[in-house]
Amino acid sequence: MPSLDKRSKKKQRVDGSSGDDEPGTQGARNDALLAKVDPEYLNKPIDIKQGEAKTRALVASLGTVKKKLGESIKTLIDIAGEMAETLSEEHRDEDYHEDAKLAALKNDKIMSQLDRDFRAALDREAELDIRMTTASDLRMRIAQGHQMTNVHKWYEDKAKDKLEEYTSKTPRQRYENNVLFERYRTLVWESYTDGRGVPNIKKFLPREEGDDESDDEDFEFGAQTHNFQCPITLSTLEDPYSSSLCPHSFSGDAIKELIKSSGGRSPCPVSGCDKSLTLGTVHADEGLRRRVAAHVRRVKEGRAPGATQGRTFEQMDLDSEDEDEDDDGEEAHRVKKEMIKAARA
């Protein structure tokens, strides 16, 4: 098997966090700094106008940090997808067994470290959300004229309670309904298994003490597969947009044109769906875009589930599109894969 060191080169594009940090470390650093400040100064009532302006700036600053963290999370998702696709090449000749694939992902050093890093990033995002909410509450109290002294202590005490509540949760309680975690594990699984159906999310988050035992009952439902065809154009999704009202996705230009041509509101084009869509209820879906790109690569390479030596209609359709349009992204991915293979040789 190729060296893990060579596969780890791609992961080094992400900040080398160990993934072990828990929310709250920033608060400890703040306490150390404030220990050097004159206590008499800290206990003076805060000026309303000045305090409101400073807390507004604090919220904005936290928002900037969260935005940068979001960019790192996107990078982690991309790298995890690429690493999973690379790992799949090492196990391509093996028979497909869902539990065995889950175990292989868990036991792979690079993938398990990426998983820890990703969860740590989600924890940091949760901490930022808590601190932003607490700072906003503080700003409102100041604006309403509340006399407040030792503002930092009030802020840290309020944030501490919420942070302790979050850190007391099990991984399943933290991530089960997290949209970013769902995008991550879906892209990783589809990339690793050449597009096989994604197992129930609870299989990625084993039950721990504190989780409801009945939560495992829905394991009986089979893995979920995704149709990457636009219901309007009947072709592979392009620049996918998803609805916030129903679980359906469309090619961006197609759904926007349909809504505009219907006077700003259109019934969902999926048969049986009773939702009405507007431009405000559909949004560009970055996670789905990554999955579609990976799906297109698998189809072109004949690696999609159920693929045979014969060319499918979808393969021929995608090849036809390539004749008309130079796909720089696909070429870059091909070159990247060749470089990885050469490094491992």
Protein backbone atom coordinates (compact mmCIF):
# COMPACT_ATOMS: atom_id res chain seq x y z
CA MET A 1 0.00 0.00 0.00
CA PRO A 2 1.31 3.52 -0.76
CA SER A 3 2.98 5.42 2.03
CA LEU A 4 0.75 7.43 4.35
CA ASP A 5 3.40 10.15 4.36
CA LYS A 6 2.81 10.79 0.67
CA ARG A 7 -0.94 10.89 1.11
CA SER A 8 -0.51 13.28 4.02
CA LYS A 9 1.11 15.94 1.81
CA LYS A 10 -2.29 17.01 0.54
CA LYS A 11 -3.63 17.36 4.07
CA GLN A 12 -0.84 19.78 4.99
CA ARG A 13 -2.72 22.54 3.14
CA VAL A 14 -4.91 22.83 6.21
CA ASP A 15 -3.80 24.45 9.45
CA GLY A 16 -2.08 21.74 11.44
CA SER A 17 -4.52 21.69 14.33
CA SER A 18 -4.45 18.53 16.42
CA GLY A 19 -8.24 18.57 16.55
CA ASP A 20 -8.16 18.05 20.33
CA ASP A 21 -8.99 21.62 21.43
CA GLU A 22 -12.34 22.14 23.14
CA PRO A 23 -14.37 25.37 22.99
CA GLY A 24 -13.44 27.75 25.79
CA THR A 25 -9.68 28.03 25.34
CA GLN A 26 -10.09 31.61 24.10
CA GLY A 27 -11.83 32.48 27.36
CA ALA A 28 -8.85 31.21 29.36
CA ARG A 29 -6.50 33.38 27.32
CA ASN A 30 -8.75 36.40 27.90
CA ASP A 31 -8.70 35.77 31.66
CA ALA A 32 -4.89 35.72 31.65
CA LEU A 33 -4.77 39.07 29.87
CA LEU A 34 -7.37 40.71 32.10
CA ALA A 35 -5.52 39.57 35.23
CA LYS A 36 -2.99 42.27 34.35
CA VAL A 37 -5.63 45.03 34.26
CA ASP A 38 -6.30 47.25 37.30
CA PRO A 39 -9.46 45.80 39.00
CA GLU A 40 -10.67 49.32 39.84
CA TYR A 41 -10.78 50.12 36.14
CA LEU A 42 -12.77 46.97 35.40
CA ASN A 43 -15.46 47.84 37.97
CA LYS A 44 -16.29 51.27 36.59
CA PRO A 45 -19.77 51.58 35.01
CA ILE A 46 -19.51 51.45 31.25
CA ASP A 47 -20.44 54.47 29.16
CA ILE A 48 -23.58 53.59 27.17
CA LYS A 49 -22.55 55.12 23.86
CA GLN A 50 -18.98 53.87 24.05
CA GLY A 51 -20.01 50.44 25.31
CA GLU A 52 -22.59 49.95 22.56
CA ALA A 53 -20.02 50.86 19.92
CA LYS A 54 -17.39 48.52 21.35
CA THR A 55 -19.75 45.57 21.67
CA ARG A 56 -20.94 46.17 18.11
CA ALA A 57 -17.30 46.06 17.00
CA LEU A 58 -16.81 42.85 19.00
CA VAL A 59 -19.72 41.16 17.23
CA ALA A 60 -18.34 42.27 13.86
CA SER A 61 -14.87 40.99 14.77
CA LEU A 62 -16.26 37.60 15.80
CA GLY A 63 -18.19 37.50 12.53
CA THR A 64 -14.97 38.04 10.59
CA VAL A 65 -13.29 35.20 12.47
CA LYS A 66 -16.27 32.95 11.75
CA LYS A 67 -16.10 33.79 8.05
CA LYS A 68 -12.42 32.82 7.91
CA LEU A 69 -13.18 29.63 9.82
CA GLY A 70 -15.90 28.87 7.27
CA GLU A 71 -13.31 29.08 4.50
CA SER A 72 -11.11 26.61 6.38
CA ILE A 73 -14.07 24.28 6.79
CA LYS A 74 -14.70 24.36 3.04
CA THR A 75 -11.04 23.56 2.43
CA LEU A 76 -11.23 20.64 4.86
CA ILE A 77 -14.28 19.27 3.03
CA ASP A 78 -12.52 19.51 -0.34
CA ILE A 79 -9.35 17.85 0.96
CA ALA A 80 -11.30 15.08 2.70
CA GLY A 81 -13.17 14.35 -0.53
CA GLU A 82 -9.93 14.19 -2.52
CA MET A 83 -8.24 12.01 0.09
CA ALA A 84 -11.23 9.65 0.19
CA GLU A 85 -11.13 9.35 -3.59
CA THR A 86 -7.41 8.59 -3.43
CA LEU A 87 -8.01 6.00 -0.71
CA SER A 88 -10.71 4.35 -2.83
CA GLU A 89 -8.11 3.60 -5.50
CA GLU A 90 -6.16 1.57 -2.96
CA HIS A 91 -9.23 -0.60 -2.18
CA ARG A 92 -10.95 -0.67 -5.57
CA ASP A 93 -10.51 -4.43 -6.09
CA GLU A 94 -12.18 -5.28 -2.78
CA ASP A 95 -15.80 -6.45 -2.57
CA TYR A 96 -18.22 -3.84 -1.25
CA HIS A 97 -19.34 -4.35 2.34
CA GLU A 98 -20.73 -1.29 4.09
CA ASP A 99 -19.45 -2.13 7.58
CA ALA A 100 -16.00 -2.99 6.22
CA LYS A 101 -15.85 0.34 4.37
CA LEU A 102 -16.86 2.21 7.52
CA ALA A 103 -14.15 0.43 9.48
CA ALA A 104 -11.53 1.16 6.81
CA LEU A 105 -12.33 4.88 6.90
CA LYS A 106 -12.16 4.91 10.69
CA ASN A 107 -8.86 3.02 10.78
CA ASP A 108 -7.11 5.05 8.07
CA LYS A 109 -4.74 7.45 9.85
CA ILE A 110 -5.18 10.35 7.43
CA MET A 111 -8.97 10.10 7.18
CA SER A 112 -9.41 9.70 10.94
CA GLN A 113 -7.22 12.77 11.55
CA LEU A 114 -9.20 14.77 9.00
CA ASP A 115 -12.39 13.70 10.76
CA ARG A 116 -11.03 14.90 14.11
CA ASP A 117 -9.90 18.19 12.56
CA PHE A 118 -13.28 18.71 10.94
CA ARG A 119 -15.18 18.07 14.17
CA ALA A 120 -12.83 20.43 16.01
CA ALA A 121 -13.57 23.11 13.39
CA LEU A 122 -17.31 22.60 13.91
CA ASP A 123 -16.77 22.94 17.67
CA ARG A 124 -14.90 26.21 17.14
CA GLU A 125 -17.73 27.45 14.95
CA ALA A 126 -20.23 26.56 17.68
CA GLU A 127 -18.11 28.48 20.19
CA LEU A 128 -18.07 31.53 17.92
CA ASP A 129 -21.86 31.35 17.54
CA ILE A 130 -22.23 31.26 21.32
CA ARG A 131 -19.87 34.19 21.81
CA MET A 132 -21.55 36.23 19.06
CA THR A 133 -24.97 35.63 20.62
CA THR A 134 -23.66 36.55 24.08
CA ALA A 135 -21.99 39.71 22.75
CA SER A 136 -25.22 40.70 20.98
CA ASP A 137 -27.15 40.22 24.24
CA LEU A 138 -24.58 42.38 26.03
CA ARG A 139 -24.87 45.09 23.40
CA MET A 140 -28.66 45.12 23.76
CA ARG A 141 -28.47 45.45 27.55
CA ILE A 142 -26.06 48.37 27.25
CA ALA A 143 -28.20 50.06 24.59
CA GLN A 144 -31.25 49.70 26.86
CA GLY A 145 -29.47 51.67 29.57
CA HIS A 146 -28.58 48.93 32.05
CA GLN A 147 -25.84 50.04 34.44
CA MET A 148 -23.11 47.44 34.05
CA THR A 149 -19.73 47.04 35.72
CA ASN A 150 -17.10 44.39 35.05
CA VAL A 151 -18.56 43.78 31.63
CA HIS A 152 -15.96 41.17 30.77
CA LYS A 153 -17.00 38.99 33.73
CA TRP A 154 -20.67 39.23 32.72
CA TYR A 155 -19.78 38.27 29.15
CA GLU A 156 -17.52 35.34 30.10
CA ASP A 157 -19.94 33.98 32.72
CA LYS A 158 -22.85 34.00 30.27
CA ALA A 159 -20.76 32.44 27.50
CA LYS A 160 -19.28 29.87 29.90
CA ASP A 161 -22.69 28.44 30.79
CA LYS A 162 -23.59 27.92 27.14
CA LEU A 163 -20.15 26.54 26.26
CA GLU A 164 -20.33 24.02 29.10
CA GLU A 165 -23.76 22.95 27.87
CA TYR A 166 -22.34 22.40 24.39
CA THR A 167 -19.20 20.54 25.48
CA SER A 168 -21.29 18.22 27.67
CA LYS A 169 -23.04 16.88 24.56
CA THR A 170 -22.01 13.63 22.90
CA PRO A 171 -20.67 13.68 19.31
CA ARG A 172 -24.04 12.42 18.09
CA GLN A 173 -25.86 15.24 19.87
CA ARG A 174 -23.41 17.81 18.49
CA TYR A 175 -23.23 16.77 14.85
CA GLU A 176 -26.27 14.65 13.95
CA ASN A 177 -28.25 17.64 12.66
CA ASN A 178 -25.27 19.75 11.58
CA VAL A 179 -25.59 20.54 7.87
CA LEU A 180 -21.83 20.89 7.39
CA PHE A 181 -21.15 17.52 9.00
CA GLU A 182 -23.74 15.95 6.70
CA ARG A 183 -22.03 17.50 3.65
CA TYR A 184 -18.66 16.29 4.87
CA ARG A 185 -19.58 12.67 5.52
CA THR A 186 -21.69 12.47 2.33
CA LEU A 187 -18.87 13.72 0.08
CA VAL A 188 -16.31 11.48 1.82
CA TRP A 189 -18.50 8.39 1.55
CA GLU A 190 -19.47 8.91 -2.08
CA SER A 191 -15.85 9.66 -3.02
CA TYR A 192 -14.55 6.62 -1.15
CA THR A 193 -17.17 4.15 -2.42
CA ASP A 194 -17.54 5.46 -6.00
CA GLY A 195 -21.00 6.86 -5.34
CA ARG A 196 -22.59 4.14 -3.22
CA GLY A 197 -25.56 5.03 -1.04
CA VAL A 198 -24.67 6.92 2.14
CA PRO A 199 -25.37 5.02 5.39
CA ASN A 200 -27.50 6.48 8.15
CA ILE A 201 -25.61 9.31 9.82
CA LYS A 202 -25.74 7.50 13.16
CA LYS A 203 -23.32 4.89 11.79
CA PHE A 204 -20.73 7.65 11.63
CA LEU A 205 -21.62 8.72 15.19
CA PRO A 206 -21.79 5.59 17.39
CA ARG A 207 -24.09 5.82 20.41
CA GLU A 208 -22.39 6.87 23.64
CA GLU A 209 -23.53 7.20 27.22
CA GLY A 210 -26.10 9.98 27.24
CA ASP A 211 -27.55 9.16 23.82
CA ASP A 212 -31.08 7.77 23.62
CA GLU A 213 -30.96 4.01 23.00
CA SER A 214 -34.01 4.28 20.75
CA ASP A 215 -31.99 6.54 18.42
CA ASP A 216 -30.46 3.45 16.80
CA GLU A 217 -33.83 2.07 15.71
CA ASP A 218 -33.76 3.91 12.37
CA PHE A 219 -30.61 1.98 11.35
CA GLU A 220 -33.06 -0.35 9.66
CA PHE A 221 -33.52 2.17 6.87
CA GLY A 222 -31.19 1.53 3.95
CA ALA A 223 -28.42 3.75 2.66
CA GLN A 224 -29.51 6.82 0.72
CA THR A 225 -28.50 7.44 -2.87
CA HIS A 226 -28.75 10.76 -4.69
CA ASN A 227 -30.06 11.50 -8.15
CA PHE A 228 -27.81 14.11 -9.75
CA GLN A 229 -30.25 14.83 -12.59
CA CYS A 230 -32.01 18.19 -12.85
CA PRO A 231 -35.81 17.65 -12.94
CA ILE A 232 -36.15 20.58 -15.35
CA THR A 233 -33.42 19.94 -17.93
CA LEU A 234 -33.28 16.15 -17.32
CA SER A 235 -29.48 16.46 -17.58
CA THR A 236 -26.76 16.32 -14.95
CA LEU A 237 -27.01 19.23 -12.51
CA GLU A 238 -25.04 22.34 -13.41
CA ASP A 239 -24.31 25.04 -10.82
CA PRO A 240 -26.79 23.28 -8.50
CA TYR A 241 -29.35 25.22 -6.49
CA SER A 242 -31.34 23.62 -3.66
CA SER A 243 -34.70 24.53 -2.17
CA SER A 244 -34.99 25.53 1.48
CA LEU A 245 -38.63 24.38 1.49
CA CYS A 246 -38.28 20.87 0.06
CA PRO A 247 -35.46 18.35 -0.48
CA HIS A 248 -35.09 19.06 -4.20
CA SER A 249 -32.24 20.50 -6.27
CA PHE A 250 -32.00 21.97 -9.76
CA SER A 251 -29.55 23.43 -12.25
CA GLY A 252 -29.12 27.06 -11.24
CA ASP A 253 -30.00 28.77 -14.51
CA ALA A 254 -32.95 26.44 -15.11
CA ILE A 255 -34.70 27.01 -11.78
CA LYS A 256 -34.08 30.77 -11.81
CA GLU A 257 -35.48 31.08 -15.32
CA LEU A 258 -38.51 28.96 -14.38
CA ILE A 259 -39.27 31.16 -11.37
CA LYS A 260 -38.82 34.40 -13.32
CA SER A 261 -41.01 33.20 -16.18
CA SER A 262 -43.74 32.30 -13.66
CA GLY A 263 -43.99 35.79 -12.24
CA GLY A 264 -41.61 35.26 -9.35
CA ARG A 265 -43.25 32.16 -7.89
CA SER A 266 -43.35 28.67 -9.37
CA PRO A 267 -44.59 25.28 -8.16
CA CYS A 268 -41.71 22.91 -7.48
CA PRO A 269 -41.15 21.07 -10.79
CA VAL A 270 -40.72 17.71 -9.04
CA SER A 271 -43.85 15.60 -9.47
CA GLY A 272 -45.81 15.23 -6.24
CA CYS A 273 -44.19 18.18 -4.45
CA ASP A 274 -46.67 20.84 -3.31
CA LYS A 275 -44.15 23.57 -2.45
CA SER A 276 -44.00 26.91 -4.26
CA LEU A 277 -40.55 28.30 -4.95
CA THR A 278 -39.25 31.87 -5.24
CA LEU A 279 -35.76 33.23 -5.80
CA GLY A 280 -35.61 33.70 -2.05
CA THR A 281 -36.25 30.04 -1.29
CA VAL A 282 -33.56 28.55 -3.56
CA HIS A 283 -29.83 28.94 -3.00
CA ALA A 284 -26.53 27.89 -4.53
CA ASP A 285 -25.52 24.58 -2.95
CA GLU A 286 -21.73 24.41 -2.61
CA GLY A 287 -21.78 20.99 -0.97
CA LEU A 288 -23.88 19.52 -3.77
CA ARG A 289 -21.63 21.17 -6.36
CA ARG A 290 -18.68 19.22 -4.97
CA ARG A 291 -20.65 15.99 -5.05
CA VAL A 292 -21.82 16.56 -8.63
CA ALA A 293 -18.24 17.23 -9.75
CA ALA A 294 -17.10 13.98 -8.12
CA HIS A 295 -20.05 12.13 -9.67
CA VAL A 296 -19.19 13.45 -13.13
CA ARG A 297 -15.61 12.23 -12.75
CA ARG A 298 -16.80 8.78 -11.69
CA VAL A 299 -19.17 8.52 -14.64
CA LYS A 300 -16.50 9.56 -17.13
CA GLU A 301 -14.08 7.02 -15.67
CA GLY A 302 -16.70 4.27 -15.54
CA ARG A 303 -16.60 4.10 -11.73
CA ALA A 304 -20.24 4.88 -10.98
CA PRO A 305 -22.27 2.15 -9.17
CA GLY A 306 -23.46 -0.49 -11.61
CA ALA A 307 -21.08 0.69 -14.32
CA THR A 308 -20.11 -1.85 -16.98
CA GLN A 309 -17.58 -1.89 -19.75
CA GLY A 310 -20.20 -0.43 -22.05
CA ARG A 311 -20.67 3.32 -22.28
CA THR A 312 -23.77 4.62 -20.53
CA PHE A 313 -26.01 7.33 -21.96
CA GLU A 314 -24.78 9.64 -19.20
CA GLN A 315 -21.15 8.99 -20.16
CA MET A 316 -21.90 9.78 -23.80
CA ASP A 317 -23.81 12.91 -22.78
CA LEU A 318 -20.91 14.14 -20.64
CA ASP A 319 -18.38 13.31 -23.35
CA SER A 320 -20.48 15.29 -25.82
CA GLU A 321 -20.40 18.29 -23.51
CA ASP A 322 -16.61 18.02 -23.34
CA GLU A 323 -16.39 18.33 -27.11
CA ASP A 324 -18.07 21.72 -26.90
CA GLU A 325 -16.47 23.04 -23.73
CA ASP A 326 -13.00 22.83 -22.21
CA ASP A 327 -13.47 21.93 -18.54
CA ASP A 328 -10.44 23.43 -16.80
CA GLY A 329 -11.56 22.05 -13.44
CA GLU A 330 -11.63 18.47 -14.70
CA GLU A 331 -8.24 18.86 -16.36
CA ALA A 332 -6.76 20.25 -13.14
CA HIS A 333 -8.16 17.30 -11.20
CA ARG A 334 -6.70 14.83 -13.72
CA VAL A 335 -3.27 16.43 -13.44
CA LYS A 336 -3.50 16.40 -9.64
CA LYS A 337 -4.28 12.68 -9.61
CA GLU A 338 -1.38 11.94 -11.94
CA MET A 339 0.98 13.88 -9.68
CA ILE A 340 -0.19 11.91 -6.64
CA LYS A 341 0.30 8.61 -8.45
CA ALA A 342 3.77 9.64 -9.60
CA ALA A 343 4.75 10.61 -6.06
CA ARG A 344 3.68 7.19 -4.77
CA ALA A 345 5.46 5.19 -7.47
